[in-house]
Amino acid sequence: MYCDTAAYNTLVVGMRAREQSDVLDFGSRVHLFAKNLHEHKNPLNWWQGVLHERLPQETQQILTATCIGLSKYPLPVAQVVERYYRTPFYEEVHDDAIWQVDMCGTMDRISWSPAEGIITILDYKTTRRWNLRDVLDEYLVSTQFPFYANALRRLPKLLPDPAAQEAARLGRIQVKVLAIKIARLDKEGTIQPPEFAITAPMYWSIAELDHYEHLLSQYASGLIHTARTKRTTKSGYAANQCPECEYAPICHARSPEAADAVARNYFITEPYDPSQFGKPRDLD
């Protein structure tokens, strides 16, 4: 859902979190492991140097157990793992200047079944929550996954197999979410292994993807308006339009004074720079 306040904070103010949360950092390392497992098959020596970098001993143990569990989880052979993509999506012309919005992201794992003629995009979600089914139920209504399906339909050459490329053009794409409950230390100090749960496949028809792309275009137009005018309505939370947002603690509609205080402590500002997207992430 479009949030004008979040767009303003990101594009105009240049606001971003001062540091990444522990949960996101752990998830990023699991994704790094998955990529290395696909490329090198046996990354045990690698993770001790890179994956464990700047982690306390206990977290290293939990991360190792989680990654070992993931390596043993039965998955179809992947054609692509941790594939970053970026392509022009929408543009407007204002005062002889072109304002362009790119479609970009990273797909965790893509597999291809020639027998069924179906492409499967698998997305990893790490969590510490107890009930994995609750986690999966939340993602069943996420707009993230039709975004992936539509992106792959537009960018079939992300796949190496020509038959898979044709299937992508035809929209023969399904998305699944693999929830990973990370390993944990019990009261006796014993590592309890990770747990896994996976959704049923999610599909969208060509008509549904076309409609989704139309909505994305409207969203992109709103982003351009905010970036170009450097103004925001500051009405998202007050209008009950942002039930969950990383900027919620500093939403202008709630309290400008509290927003300023939180921003100074938890966020930094730097010029918005989309050219940095997709570059290797520093584990700092």
Protein backbone atom coordinates (compact mmCIF):
# COMPACT_ATOMS: atom_id res chain seq x y z
CA MET A 1 0.00 0.00 0.00
CA TYR A 2 1.33 3.44 -0.92
CA CYS A 3 2.41 5.59 2.03
CA ASP A 4 3.26 9.18 1.19
CA THR A 5 5.11 9.66 4.48
CA ALA A 6 7.39 6.68 3.91
CA ALA A 7 8.09 7.87 0.36
CA TYR A 8 8.91 11.37 1.60
CA ASN A 9 11.22 10.09 4.36
CA THR A 10 13.10 7.84 1.93
CA LEU A 11 13.26 9.90 -1.26
CA VAL A 12 13.42 13.46 0.03
CA VAL A 13 14.80 13.32 3.57
CA GLY A 14 17.07 10.37 2.75
CA MET A 15 16.23 8.66 6.03
CA ARG A 16 17.30 5.11 6.79
CA ALA A 17 17.77 3.04 9.91
CA ARG A 18 21.02 3.69 11.77
CA GLU A 19 21.69 -0.03 11.98
CA GLN A 20 20.09 -3.24 10.79
CA SER A 21 18.02 -5.23 13.27
CA ASP A 22 19.36 -8.54 14.57
CA VAL A 23 16.55 -10.44 12.85
CA LEU A 24 17.30 -8.88 9.45
CA ASP A 25 21.03 -9.40 9.91
CA PHE A 26 20.51 -13.08 10.74
CA GLY A 27 18.22 -13.52 7.74
CA SER A 28 20.77 -11.85 5.46
CA ARG A 29 23.42 -14.32 6.57
CA VAL A 30 21.10 -17.27 5.90
CA HIS A 31 20.57 -15.93 2.38
CA LEU A 32 24.34 -15.61 1.92
CA PHE A 33 24.70 -19.23 2.97
CA ALA A 34 22.01 -20.37 0.51
CA LYS A 35 23.78 -18.58 -2.34
CA ASN A 36 27.15 -20.06 -1.44
CA LEU A 37 25.66 -23.53 -1.04
CA HIS A 38 24.28 -23.29 -4.57
CA GLU A 39 27.56 -22.04 -6.03
CA HIS A 40 30.08 -24.14 -4.10
CA LYS A 41 28.01 -27.06 -2.74
CA ASN A 42 30.15 -27.37 0.42
CA PRO A 43 30.47 -23.99 2.15
CA LEU A 44 31.48 -25.22 5.62
CA ASN A 45 34.91 -23.61 5.52
CA TRP A 46 33.51 -20.46 3.94
CA TRP A 47 30.89 -19.72 6.60
CA GLN A 48 33.42 -19.87 9.42
CA GLY A 49 35.26 -16.92 7.90
CA VAL A 50 32.53 -14.81 6.28
CA LEU A 51 29.15 -15.91 7.57
CA HIS A 52 30.25 -15.79 11.24
CA GLU A 53 32.04 -12.48 10.93
CA ARG A 54 31.48 -10.20 13.94
CA LEU A 55 29.00 -12.55 15.63
CA PRO A 56 29.15 -13.71 19.28
CA GLN A 57 29.88 -17.40 19.85
CA GLU A 58 26.31 -18.30 20.81
CA THR A 59 24.87 -16.68 17.68
CA GLN A 60 27.47 -18.48 15.56
CA GLN A 61 26.22 -21.81 16.93
CA ILE A 62 22.60 -20.93 16.24
CA LEU A 63 23.42 -19.71 12.73
CA THR A 64 25.44 -22.83 11.93
CA ALA A 65 22.64 -25.13 13.09
CA THR A 66 20.07 -23.16 11.07
CA CYS A 67 22.18 -23.29 7.90
CA ILE A 68 22.88 -27.02 8.27
CA GLY A 69 19.14 -27.60 8.63
CA LEU A 70 18.45 -25.57 5.50
CA SER A 71 21.07 -27.50 3.52
CA LYS A 72 19.25 -30.74 4.37
CA TYR A 73 15.75 -29.49 3.60
CA PRO A 74 14.46 -31.23 0.43
CA LEU A 75 14.06 -28.70 -2.37
CA PRO A 76 13.92 -29.08 -6.17
CA VAL A 77 17.09 -28.26 -8.07
CA ALA A 78 17.43 -24.51 -8.48
CA GLN A 79 18.20 -22.75 -11.74
CA VAL A 80 18.85 -19.44 -10.02
CA VAL A 81 19.65 -18.54 -6.39
CA GLU A 82 19.75 -15.04 -4.87
CA ARG A 83 19.25 -13.35 -8.24
CA TYR A 84 19.21 -9.55 -8.20
CA TYR A 85 17.30 -7.80 -10.97
CA ARG A 86 16.65 -4.21 -11.98
CA THR A 87 14.79 -2.84 -14.98
CA PRO A 88 13.08 0.43 -15.92
CA PHE A 89 9.38 0.20 -15.10
CA TYR A 90 7.63 3.57 -15.24
CA GLU A 91 8.49 7.12 -16.25
CA GLU A 92 6.94 10.56 -16.47
CA VAL A 93 8.18 13.77 -18.09
CA HIS A 94 7.95 17.02 -16.11
CA ASP A 95 9.57 20.30 -17.19
CA ASP A 96 11.60 18.47 -19.86
CA ALA A 97 13.06 16.12 -17.23
CA ILE A 98 12.47 12.37 -17.21
CA TRP A 99 11.50 10.87 -13.86
CA GLN A 100 11.96 7.10 -13.88
CA VAL A 101 11.03 4.37 -11.41
CA ASP A 102 12.89 1.05 -11.71
CA MET A 103 11.60 -2.36 -10.72
CA CYS A 104 14.27 -4.10 -8.66
CA GLY A 105 14.71 -6.79 -6.04
CA THR A 106 16.24 -10.17 -5.29
CA MET A 107 14.58 -13.57 -5.77
CA ASP A 108 15.84 -16.13 -3.29
CA ARG A 109 15.46 -19.31 -5.32
CA ILE A 110 13.94 -20.15 -8.72
CA SER A 111 13.39 -23.70 -9.94
CA TRP A 112 11.94 -25.04 -13.18
CA SER A 113 9.89 -28.21 -13.72
CA PRO A 114 9.91 -29.17 -17.44
CA ALA A 115 7.42 -31.98 -16.81
CA GLU A 116 4.83 -29.59 -15.35
CA GLY A 117 5.90 -26.54 -17.32
CA ILE A 118 5.88 -24.51 -14.09
CA ILE A 119 8.42 -22.11 -12.60
CA THR A 120 8.59 -21.93 -8.80
CA ILE A 121 9.92 -18.90 -6.94
CA LEU A 122 10.79 -19.79 -3.35
CA ASP A 123 11.19 -17.05 -0.76
CA TYR A 124 12.94 -17.68 2.56
CA LYS A 125 11.55 -16.06 5.70
CA THR A 126 13.50 -16.50 8.93
CA THR A 127 11.67 -16.02 12.20
CA ARG A 128 11.90 -16.64 15.95
CA ARG A 129 8.14 -16.89 16.33
CA TRP A 130 6.78 -20.08 17.82
CA ASN A 131 3.96 -20.90 15.41
CA LEU A 132 5.20 -21.13 11.83
CA ARG A 133 1.69 -21.48 10.42
CA ASP A 134 0.84 -18.01 11.75
CA VAL A 135 3.92 -16.67 9.97
CA LEU A 136 2.89 -18.28 6.69
CA ASP A 137 -0.70 -17.06 6.97
CA GLU A 138 0.54 -13.47 7.15
CA TYR A 139 2.54 -13.85 3.94
CA LEU A 140 -0.38 -15.31 1.99
CA VAL A 141 -1.74 -11.77 1.59
CA SER A 142 1.61 -10.06 0.95
CA THR A 143 1.95 -7.96 -2.20
CA GLN A 144 5.63 -8.94 -2.37
CA PHE A 145 4.98 -12.19 -4.21
CA PRO A 146 2.88 -11.04 -7.18
CA PHE A 147 5.66 -8.46 -7.56
CA TYR A 148 8.14 -11.33 -8.03
CA ALA A 149 5.87 -13.18 -10.43
CA ASN A 150 5.28 -10.06 -12.50
CA ALA A 151 8.99 -9.18 -12.51
CA LEU A 152 9.92 -12.64 -13.78
CA ARG A 153 7.25 -12.41 -16.46
CA ARG A 154 8.83 -9.15 -17.61
CA LEU A 155 12.40 -10.47 -17.27
CA PRO A 156 12.35 -14.09 -18.49
CA LYS A 157 16.06 -13.97 -19.35
CA LEU A 158 16.80 -14.19 -15.63
CA LEU A 159 16.38 -17.91 -16.32
CA PRO A 160 19.02 -19.82 -18.32
CA ASP A 161 16.65 -22.41 -19.86
CA PRO A 162 14.82 -21.24 -23.05
CA ALA A 163 11.78 -23.36 -22.23
CA ALA A 164 11.62 -21.80 -18.76
CA GLN A 165 11.89 -18.36 -20.33
CA GLU A 166 8.87 -19.08 -22.51
CA ALA A 167 6.92 -20.34 -19.49
CA ALA A 168 7.76 -17.10 -17.68
CA ARG A 169 6.43 -15.02 -20.59
CA LEU A 170 3.19 -17.01 -20.40
CA GLY A 171 2.90 -16.39 -16.67
CA ARG A 172 3.31 -20.04 -15.69
CA ILE A 173 4.79 -19.03 -12.36
CA GLN A 174 4.01 -20.04 -8.82
CA VAL A 175 5.42 -18.66 -5.57
CA LYS A 176 5.99 -20.47 -2.29
CA VAL A 177 7.23 -19.19 1.05
CA LEU A 178 9.57 -21.29 3.19
CA ALA A 179 9.34 -20.18 6.81
CA ILE A 180 12.48 -21.02 8.80
CA LYS A 181 12.18 -21.02 12.57
CA ILE A 182 15.81 -20.49 13.50
CA ALA A 183 17.67 -22.88 15.79
CA ARG A 184 17.77 -21.93 19.45
CA LEU A 185 19.55 -22.70 22.72
CA ASP A 186 17.36 -24.31 25.38
CA LYS A 187 17.74 -23.80 29.13
CA GLU A 188 20.33 -26.56 29.32
CA GLY A 189 22.45 -24.90 26.64
CA THR A 190 21.59 -27.51 24.00
CA ILE A 191 21.02 -26.42 20.43
CA GLN A 192 17.50 -27.18 19.26
CA PRO A 193 17.37 -27.63 15.47
CA PRO A 194 15.51 -25.27 13.13
CA GLU A 195 11.98 -26.00 12.00
CA PHE A 196 10.51 -25.48 8.54
CA ALA A 197 7.06 -24.94 7.03
CA ILE A 198 6.12 -24.12 3.46
CA THR A 199 3.03 -22.56 1.90
CA ALA A 200 0.88 -24.03 -0.79
CA PRO A 201 1.75 -22.55 -4.19
CA MET A 202 0.36 -19.09 -4.97
CA TYR A 203 -0.70 -18.36 -8.56
CA TRP A 204 -1.91 -15.28 -10.45
CA SER A 205 -3.57 -15.21 -13.83
CA ILE A 206 -2.27 -12.99 -16.63
CA ALA A 207 -5.24 -10.69 -16.05
CA GLU A 208 -4.45 -10.44 -12.34
CA LEU A 209 -0.79 -9.68 -13.04
CA ASP A 210 -1.81 -7.04 -15.58
CA HIS A 211 -4.07 -5.42 -12.99
CA TYR A 212 -1.29 -5.61 -10.39
CA GLU A 213 1.09 -3.88 -12.80
CA HIS A 214 -1.50 -1.15 -13.34
CA LEU A 215 -1.66 -0.57 -9.57
CA LEU A 216 2.15 -0.49 -9.44
CA SER A 217 2.13 2.22 -12.10
CA GLN A 218 -0.18 4.32 -9.93
CA TYR A 219 2.12 3.76 -6.97
CA ALA A 220 5.16 4.76 -9.06
CA SER A 221 3.39 7.95 -10.14
CA GLY A 222 2.89 8.80 -6.46
CA LEU A 223 6.58 8.23 -5.76
CA ILE A 224 7.53 10.57 -8.60
CA HIS A 225 5.15 13.25 -7.34
CA THR A 226 6.63 13.08 -3.83
CA ALA A 227 10.24 13.14 -5.06
CA ARG A 228 9.60 15.93 -7.58
CA THR A 229 7.56 18.28 -5.37
CA LYS A 230 9.43 17.45 -2.14
CA ARG A 231 6.12 17.60 -0.32
CA THR A 232 4.06 15.09 1.61
CA THR A 233 0.47 15.07 2.77
CA LYS A 234 1.62 13.59 6.11
CA SER A 235 -1.71 11.82 6.39
CA GLY A 236 -0.98 8.10 6.12
CA TYR A 237 -1.40 7.04 9.75
CA ALA A 238 -4.23 9.50 10.44
CA ALA A 239 -6.14 8.14 7.46
CA ASN A 240 -5.60 4.57 8.70
CA GLN A 241 -3.67 3.73 5.53
CA CYS A 242 -0.45 2.37 7.04
CA PRO A 243 -1.20 -0.35 9.61
CA GLU A 244 2.41 -1.52 9.48
CA CYS A 245 5.35 0.60 8.37
CA GLU A 246 9.03 0.82 9.27
CA TYR A 247 8.55 4.57 9.61
CA ALA A 248 5.51 4.25 11.90
CA PRO A 249 7.37 5.55 14.99
CA ILE A 250 8.18 8.75 13.11
CA CYS A 251 4.95 9.20 11.19
CA HIS A 252 4.33 12.97 10.96
CA ALA A 253 0.61 12.41 11.38
CA ARG A 254 1.07 11.12 14.92
CA SER A 255 3.48 13.54 16.59
CA PRO A 256 6.05 15.78 14.90
CA GLU A 257 7.91 16.23 18.19
CA ALA A 258 8.20 12.50 18.82
CA ALA A 259 9.17 12.02 15.18
CA ASP A 260 12.13 14.36 15.55
CA ALA A 261 13.32 12.67 18.75
CA VAL A 262 13.09 9.15 17.33
CA ALA A 263 14.74 10.19 14.08
CA ARG A 264 17.78 11.60 15.87
CA ASN A 265 18.31 8.39 17.85
CA TYR A 266 17.46 5.62 15.42
CA PHE A 267 17.84 6.99 11.91
CA ILE A 268 20.49 8.68 9.84
CA THR A 269 20.00 10.76 6.73
CA GLU A 270 21.98 10.61 3.53
CA PRO A 271 21.07 11.45 -0.08
CA TYR A 272 18.82 8.86 -1.70
CA ASP A 273 21.04 6.97 -4.15
CA PRO A 274 19.40 4.17 -6.17
CA SER A 275 22.75 3.50 -7.91
CA GLN A 276 23.78 1.68 -4.73
CA PHE A 277 21.00 -0.89 -5.08
CA GLY A 278 22.23 -4.41 -5.67
CA LYS A 279 25.79 -3.80 -4.56
CA PRO A 280 27.28 -6.37 -2.14
CA ARG A 281 26.04 -5.69 1.35
CA ASP A 282 28.57 -4.95 4.07
CA LEU A 283 27.91 -7.06 7.12
CA ASP A 284 28.70 -4.03 9.26
